[in-house]
């Protein structure tokens, strides 16, 4: 699997607590070499009382790629 997941539908656990699914709108390599993805969610999730329509996740928070958009 490539580090660049832009345009792909993914799912996983945000903060290892909150299930999510959505499309990756941006993949970038952060200073230090860690990859971060911006995921536009299919459905809004509530994280510690805040509604989120997108999340920033690291590669280890992505459980799988569902399909190529």
PDB file of N, CA and C in Angstrom:
ATOM      1  N   UNK A   1       0.852  -1.176   0.000  1.00  0.00           N
ATOM      2  CA  UNK A   1       0.000   0.000   0.000  1.00  0.00           C
ATOM      3  C   UNK A   1       0.895   1.235   0.000  1.00  0.00           C
ATOM      4  N   UNK A   2       0.580   2.182  -0.843  1.00  0.00           N
ATOM      5  CA  UNK A   2       1.319   3.424  -0.959  1.00  0.00           C
ATOM      6  C   UNK A   2       1.020   4.336   0.226  1.00  0.00           C
ATOM      7  N   UNK A   3       1.922   5.239   0.526  1.00  0.00           N
ATOM      8  CA  UNK A   3       1.671   6.188   1.617  1.00  0.00           C
ATOM      9  C   UNK A   3       0.651   7.247   1.205  1.00  0.00           C
ATOM     10  N   UNK A   4       0.521   7.522  -0.087  1.00  0.00           N
ATOM     11  CA  UNK A   4      -0.419   8.536  -0.566  1.00  0.00           C
ATOM     12  C   UNK A   4      -1.774   7.883  -0.834  1.00  0.00           C
ATOM     13  N   UNK A   5      -2.755   8.192   0.020  1.00  0.00           N
ATOM     14  CA  UNK A   5      -4.079   7.588  -0.091  1.00  0.00           C
ATOM     15  C   UNK A   5      -5.125   8.575  -0.604  1.00  0.00           C
ATOM     16  N   UNK A   6      -4.708   9.692  -1.186  1.00  0.00           N
ATOM     17  CA  UNK A   6      -5.651  10.702  -1.656  1.00  0.00           C
ATOM     18  C   UNK A   6      -6.655  10.095  -2.626  1.00  0.00           C
ATOM     19  N   UNK A   7      -7.954  10.398  -2.383  1.00  0.00           N
ATOM     20  CA  UNK A   7      -9.020   9.905  -3.236  1.00  0.00           C
ATOM     21  C   UNK A   7      -9.506   8.508  -2.905  1.00  0.00           C
ATOM     22  N   UNK A   8      -8.925   7.877  -1.894  1.00  0.00           N
ATOM     23  CA  UNK A   8      -9.337   6.522  -1.548  1.00  0.00           C
ATOM     24  C   UNK A   8     -10.248   6.534  -0.325  1.00  0.00           C
ATOM     25  N   UNK A   9     -11.186   5.609  -0.297  1.00  0.00           N
ATOM     26  CA  UNK A   9     -12.127   5.477   0.822  1.00  0.00           C
ATOM     27  C   UNK A   9     -11.482   4.580   1.877  1.00  0.00           C
ATOM     28  N   UNK A  10     -11.416   5.066   3.104  1.00  0.00           N
ATOM     29  CA  UNK A  10     -10.755   4.335   4.184  1.00  0.00           C
ATOM     30  C   UNK A  10     -11.678   4.242   5.400  1.00  0.00           C
ATOM     31  N   UNK A  11     -11.314   3.365   6.322  1.00  0.00           N
ATOM     32  CA  UNK A  11     -12.020   3.283   7.600  1.00  0.00           C
ATOM     33  C   UNK A  11     -11.004   2.964   8.684  1.00  0.00           C
ATOM     34  N   UNK A  12     -11.382   3.239   9.923  1.00  0.00           N
ATOM     35  CA  UNK A  12     -10.482   2.965  11.031  1.00  0.00           C
ATOM     36  C   UNK A  12     -11.035   3.482  12.336  1.00  0.00           C
ATOM     37  N   UNK A  13     -10.139   3.668  13.311  1.00  0.00           N
ATOM     38  CA  UNK A  13     -10.499   4.186  14.622  1.00  0.00           C
ATOM     39  C   UNK A  13      -9.734   5.480  14.871  1.00  0.00           C
ATOM     40  N   UNK A  14     -10.472   6.590  14.958  1.00  0.00           N
ATOM     41  CA  UNK A  14      -9.864   7.879  15.257  1.00  0.00           C
ATOM     42  C   UNK A  14      -9.517   7.903  16.736  1.00  0.00           C
ATOM     43  N   UNK A  15      -8.279   8.244  17.068  1.00  0.00           N
ATOM     44  CA  UNK A  15      -7.769   8.221  18.442  1.00  0.00           C
ATOM     45  C   UNK A  15      -7.917   6.841  19.085  1.00  0.00           C
ATOM     46  N   UNK A  16      -7.989   5.815  18.245  1.00  0.00           N
ATOM     47  CA  UNK A  16      -8.167   4.425  18.672  1.00  0.00           C
ATOM     48  C   UNK A  16      -9.431   4.214  19.506  1.00  0.00           C
ATOM     49  N   UNK A  17     -10.434   5.124  19.348  1.00  0.00           N
ATOM     50  CA  UNK A  17     -11.684   5.045  20.095  1.00  0.00           C
ATOM     51  C   UNK A  17     -12.933   5.184  19.236  1.00  0.00           C
ATOM     52  N   UNK A  18     -12.884   6.028  18.211  1.00  0.00           N
ATOM     53  CA  UNK A  18     -14.077   6.424  17.463  1.00  0.00           C
ATOM     54  C   UNK A  18     -14.023   5.869  16.039  1.00  0.00           C
ATOM     55  N   UNK A  19     -14.936   4.950  15.692  1.00  0.00           N
ATOM     56  CA  UNK A  19     -14.947   4.410  14.329  1.00  0.00           C
ATOM     57  C   UNK A  19     -15.328   5.483  13.311  1.00  0.00           C
ATOM     58  N   UNK A  20     -14.682   5.443  12.160  1.00  0.00           N
ATOM     59  CA  UNK A  20     -14.965   6.413  11.099  1.00  0.00           C
ATOM     60  C   UNK A  20     -14.793   5.740   9.746  1.00  0.00           C
ATOM     61  N   UNK A  21     -15.390   6.367   8.728  1.00  0.00           N
ATOM     62  CA  UNK A  21     -15.189   5.975   7.332  1.00  0.00           C
ATOM     63  C   UNK A  21     -15.314   7.238   6.495  1.00  0.00           C
ATOM     64  N   UNK A  22     -14.511   7.336   5.450  1.00  0.00           N
ATOM     65  CA  UNK A  22     -14.562   8.512   4.595  1.00  0.00           C
ATOM     66  C   UNK A  22     -13.520   8.456   3.502  1.00  0.00           C
ATOM     67  N   UNK A  23     -13.383   9.580   2.802  1.00  0.00           N
ATOM     68  CA  UNK A  23     -12.457   9.692   1.671  1.00  0.00           C
ATOM     69  C   UNK A  23     -11.282  10.575   2.072  1.00  0.00           C
ATOM     70  N   UNK A  24     -10.081  10.125   1.748  1.00  0.00           N
ATOM     71  CA  UNK A  24      -8.873  10.887   2.055  1.00  0.00           C
ATOM     72  C   UNK A  24      -8.769  12.045   1.064  1.00  0.00           C
ATOM     73  N   UNK A  25      -8.784  13.278   1.599  1.00  0.00           N
ATOM     74  CA  UNK A  25      -8.664  14.453   0.734  1.00  0.00           C
ATOM     75  C   UNK A  25      -7.220  14.929   0.620  1.00  0.00           C
ATOM     76  N   UNK A  26      -6.377  14.560   1.591  1.00  0.00           N
ATOM     77  CA  UNK A  26      -4.968  14.960   1.543  1.00  0.00           C
ATOM     78  C   UNK A  26      -4.128  13.960   2.320  1.00  0.00           C
ATOM     79  N   UNK A  27      -2.976  13.620   1.776  1.00  0.00           N
ATOM     80  CA  UNK A  27      -1.963  12.828   2.470  1.00  0.00           C
ATOM     81  C   UNK A  27      -0.675  13.632   2.430  1.00  0.00           C
ATOM     82  N   UNK A  28      -0.017  13.738   3.585  1.00  0.00           N
ATOM     83  CA  UNK A  28       1.227  14.504   3.603  1.00  0.00           C
ATOM     84  C   UNK A  28       2.214  13.859   4.557  1.00  0.00           C
ATOM     85  N   UNK A  29       3.492  14.095   4.292  1.00  0.00           N
ATOM     86  CA  UNK A  29       4.550  13.627   5.168  1.00  0.00           C
ATOM     87  C   UNK A  29       4.905  14.779   6.101  1.00  0.00           C
ATOM     88  N   UNK A  30       4.742  14.543   7.393  1.00  0.00           N
ATOM     89  CA  UNK A  30       5.036  15.561   8.389  1.00  0.00           C
ATOM     90  C   UNK A  30       6.535  15.602   8.652  1.00  0.00           C
ATOM     91  N   UNK A  31       6.972  16.688   9.262  1.00  0.00           N
ATOM     92  CA  UNK A  31       8.360  16.800   9.693  1.00  0.00           C
ATOM     93  C   UNK A  31       8.673  15.620  10.606  1.00  0.00           C
ATOM     94  N   UNK A  32       9.706  14.892  10.318  1.00  0.00           N
ATOM     95  CA  UNK A  32      10.043  13.698  11.080  1.00  0.00           C
ATOM     96  C   UNK A  32       9.682  12.419  10.353  1.00  0.00           C
ATOM     97  N   UNK A  33       8.942  12.549   9.239  1.00  0.00           N
ATOM     98  CA  UNK A  33       8.683  11.398   8.394  1.00  0.00           C
ATOM     99  C   UNK A  33       7.364  10.686   8.596  1.00  0.00           C
ATOM    100  N   UNK A  34       6.558  11.093   9.584  1.00  0.00           N
ATOM    101  CA  UNK A  34       5.276  10.425   9.796  1.00  0.00           C
ATOM    102  C   UNK A  34       4.244  10.931   8.795  1.00  0.00           C
ATOM    103  N   UNK A  35       3.412  10.024   8.274  1.00  0.00           N
ATOM    104  CA  UNK A  35       2.394  10.378   7.287  1.00  0.00           C
ATOM    105  C   UNK A  35       1.086  10.707   7.997  1.00  0.00           C
ATOM    106  N   UNK A  36       0.449  11.806   7.572  1.00  0.00           N
ATOM    107  CA  UNK A  36      -0.832  12.231   8.130  1.00  0.00           C
ATOM    108  C   UNK A  36      -1.830  12.370   6.988  1.00  0.00           C
ATOM    109  N   UNK A  37      -3.070  11.900   7.235  1.00  0.00           N
ATOM    110  CA  UNK A  37      -4.126  11.945   6.230  1.00  0.00           C
ATOM    111  C   UNK A  37      -5.291  12.777   6.750  1.00  0.00           C
ATOM    112  N   UNK A  38      -5.861  13.600   5.879  1.00  0.00           N
ATOM    113  CA  UNK A  38      -7.100  14.306   6.186  1.00  0.00           C
ATOM    114  C   UNK A  38      -8.224  13.495   5.559  1.00  0.00           C
ATOM    115  N   UNK A  39      -9.170  13.058   6.406  1.00  0.00           N
ATOM    116  CA  UNK A  39     -10.269  12.212   5.950  1.00  0.00           C
ATOM    117  C   UNK A  39     -11.570  12.996   6.071  1.00  0.00           C
ATOM    118  N   UNK A  40     -12.255  13.178   4.937  1.00  0.00           N
ATOM    119  CA  UNK A  40     -13.591  13.788   4.922  1.00  0.00           C
ATOM    120  C   UNK A  40     -14.579  12.666   5.211  1.00  0.00           C
ATOM    121  N   UNK A  41     -15.274  12.759   6.332  1.00  0.00           N
ATOM    122  CA  UNK A  41     -16.102  11.663   6.825  1.00  0.00           C
ATOM    123  C   UNK A  41     -17.403  11.509   6.049  1.00  0.00           C
ATOM    124  N   UNK A  42     -17.864  10.263   5.917  1.00  0.00           N
ATOM    125  CA  UNK A  42     -19.165   9.976   5.307  1.00  0.00           C
ATOM    126  C   UNK A  42     -20.287  10.474   6.213  1.00  0.00           C
ATOM    127  N   UNK A  43     -20.113  10.297   7.516  1.00  0.00           N
ATOM    128  CA  UNK A  43     -21.097  10.730   8.510  1.00  0.00           C
ATOM    129  C   UNK A  43     -20.364  11.472   9.619  1.00  0.00           C
ATOM    130  N   UNK A  44     -20.973  12.533  10.128  1.00  0.00           N
ATOM    131  CA  UNK A  44     -20.394  13.298  11.229  1.00  0.00           C
ATOM    132  C   UNK A  44     -20.284  12.415  12.468  1.00  0.00           C
ATOM    133  N   UNK A  45     -19.156  12.537  13.183  1.00  0.00           N
ATOM    134  CA  UNK A  45     -18.978  11.801  14.432  1.00  0.00           C
ATOM    135  C   UNK A  45     -18.828  12.795  15.576  1.00  0.00           C
ATOM    136  N   UNK A  46     -19.140  12.348  16.780  1.00  0.00           N
ATOM    137  CA  UNK A  46     -18.970  13.167  17.967  1.00  0.00           C
ATOM    138  C   UNK A  46     -17.749  12.670  18.726  1.00  0.00           C
ATOM    139  N   UNK A  47     -16.776  13.568  18.920  1.00  0.00           N
ATOM    140  CA  UNK A  47     -15.539  13.230  19.607  1.00  0.00           C
ATOM    141  C   UNK A  47     -15.444  14.099  20.857  1.00  0.00           C
ATOM    142  N   UNK A  48     -15.607  13.474  22.014  1.00  0.00           N
ATOM    143  CA  UNK A  48     -15.553  14.187  23.293  1.00  0.00           C
ATOM    144  C   UNK A  48     -16.427  15.437  23.284  1.00  0.00           C
ATOM    145  N   UNK A  49     -17.651  15.307  22.757  1.00  0.00           N
ATOM    146  CA  UNK A  49     -18.621  16.399  22.750  1.00  0.00           C
ATOM    147  C   UNK A  49     -18.542  17.337  21.561  1.00  0.00           C
ATOM    148  N   UNK A  50     -17.563  17.183  20.682  1.00  0.00           N
ATOM    149  CA  UNK A  50     -17.417  18.032  19.489  1.00  0.00           C
ATOM    150  C   UNK A  50     -17.786  17.254  18.238  1.00  0.00           C
ATOM    151  N   UNK A  51     -18.577  17.873  17.363  1.00  0.00           N
ATOM    152  CA  UNK A  51     -18.925  17.243  16.088  1.00  0.00           C
ATOM    153  C   UNK A  51     -17.770  17.403  15.113  1.00  0.00           C
ATOM    154  N   UNK A  52     -17.465  16.340  14.385  1.00  0.00           N
ATOM    155  CA  UNK A  52     -16.376  16.366  13.396  1.00  0.00           C
ATOM    156  C   UNK A  52     -16.896  15.885  12.057  1.00  0.00           C
ATOM    157  N   UNK A  53     -16.606  16.648  10.987  1.00  0.00           N
ATOM    158  CA  UNK A  53     -16.942  16.193   9.642  1.00  0.00           C
ATOM    159  C   UNK A  53     -15.687  15.791   8.872  1.00  0.00           C
ATOM    160  N   UNK A  54     -14.519  16.035   9.481  1.00  0.00           N
ATOM    161  CA  UNK A  54     -13.257  15.521   8.950  1.00  0.00           C
ATOM    162  C   UNK A  54     -12.318  15.271  10.129  1.00  0.00           C
ATOM    163  N   UNK A  55     -11.358  14.388   9.935  1.00  0.00           N
ATOM    164  CA  UNK A  55     -10.384  14.068  10.975  1.00  0.00           C
ATOM    165  C   UNK A  55      -9.000  13.974  10.351  1.00  0.00           C
ATOM    166  N   UNK A  56      -7.986  14.211  11.166  1.00  0.00           N
ATOM    167  CA  UNK A  56      -6.598  14.024  10.777  1.00  0.00           C
ATOM    168  C   UNK A  56      -6.111  12.745  11.439  1.00  0.00           C
ATOM    169  N   UNK A  57      -5.674  11.793  10.647  1.00  0.00           N
ATOM    170  CA  UNK A  57      -5.247  10.501  11.187  1.00  0.00           C
ATOM    171  C   UNK A  57      -3.863  10.138  10.673  1.00  0.00           C
ATOM    172  N   UNK A  58      -3.176   9.326  11.451  1.00  0.00           N
ATOM    173  CA  UNK A  58      -1.902   8.761  11.026  1.00  0.00           C
ATOM    174  C   UNK A  58      -2.164   7.404  10.389  1.00  0.00           C
ATOM    175  N   UNK A  59      -1.199   6.920   9.692  1.00  0.00           N
ATOM    176  CA  UNK A  59      -1.361   5.651   8.982  1.00  0.00           C
ATOM    177  C   UNK A  59      -1.775   4.491   9.867  1.00  0.00           C
ATOM    178  N   UNK A  60      -1.313   4.471  11.121  1.00  0.00           N
ATOM    179  CA  UNK A  60      -1.661   3.362  12.009  1.00  0.00           C
ATOM    180  C   UNK A  60      -3.098   3.441  12.524  1.00  0.00           C
ATOM    181  N   UNK A  61      -3.817   4.556  12.274  1.00  0.00           N
ATOM    182  CA  UNK A  61      -5.214   4.684  12.666  1.00  0.00           C
ATOM    183  C   UNK A  61      -6.164   4.295  11.531  1.00  0.00           C
ATOM    184  N   UNK A  62      -5.603   3.882  10.400  1.00  0.00           N
ATOM    185  CA  UNK A  62      -6.403   3.412   9.266  1.00  0.00           C
ATOM    186  C   UNK A  62      -6.413   1.901   9.279  1.00  0.00           C
ATOM    187  N   UNK A  63      -7.605   1.327   9.430  1.00  0.00           N
ATOM    188  CA  UNK A  63      -7.746  -0.126   9.484  1.00  0.00           C
ATOM    189  C   UNK A  63      -7.687  -0.738   8.094  1.00  0.00           C
ATOM    190  N   UNK A  64      -8.282  -0.038   7.107  1.00  0.00           N
ATOM    191  CA  UNK A  64      -8.256  -0.584   5.766  1.00  0.00           C
ATOM    192  C   UNK A  64      -8.755   0.393   4.722  1.00  0.00           C
ATOM    193  N   UNK A  65      -8.432   0.076   3.481  1.00  0.00           N
ATOM    194  CA  UNK A  65      -8.893   0.840   2.326  1.00  0.00           C
ATOM    195  C   UNK A  65     -10.089   0.093   1.750  1.00  0.00           C
ATOM    196  N   UNK A  66     -11.234   0.772   1.667  1.00  0.00           N
ATOM    197  CA  UNK A  66     -12.460   0.116   1.224  1.00  0.00           C
ATOM    198  C   UNK A  66     -12.562   0.018  -0.282  1.00  0.00           C
ATOM    199  N   UNK A  67     -12.247   1.114  -0.980  1.00  0.00           N
ATOM    200  CA  UNK A  67     -12.347   1.131  -2.445  1.00  0.00           C
ATOM    201  C   UNK A  67     -11.646   2.354  -2.975  1.00  0.00           C
ATOM    202  N   UNK A  68     -11.323   2.332  -4.234  1.00  0.00           N
ATOM    203  CA  UNK A  68     -10.739   3.492  -4.895  1.00  0.00           C
ATOM    204  C   UNK A  68     -11.877   4.327  -5.469  1.00  0.00           C
ATOM    205  N   UNK A  69     -11.886   5.614  -5.156  1.00  0.00           N
ATOM    206  CA  UNK A  69     -12.952   6.509  -5.630  1.00  0.00           C
ATOM    207  C   UNK A  69     -12.609   7.015  -7.013  1.00  0.00           C
TER     208      UNK A  69
END
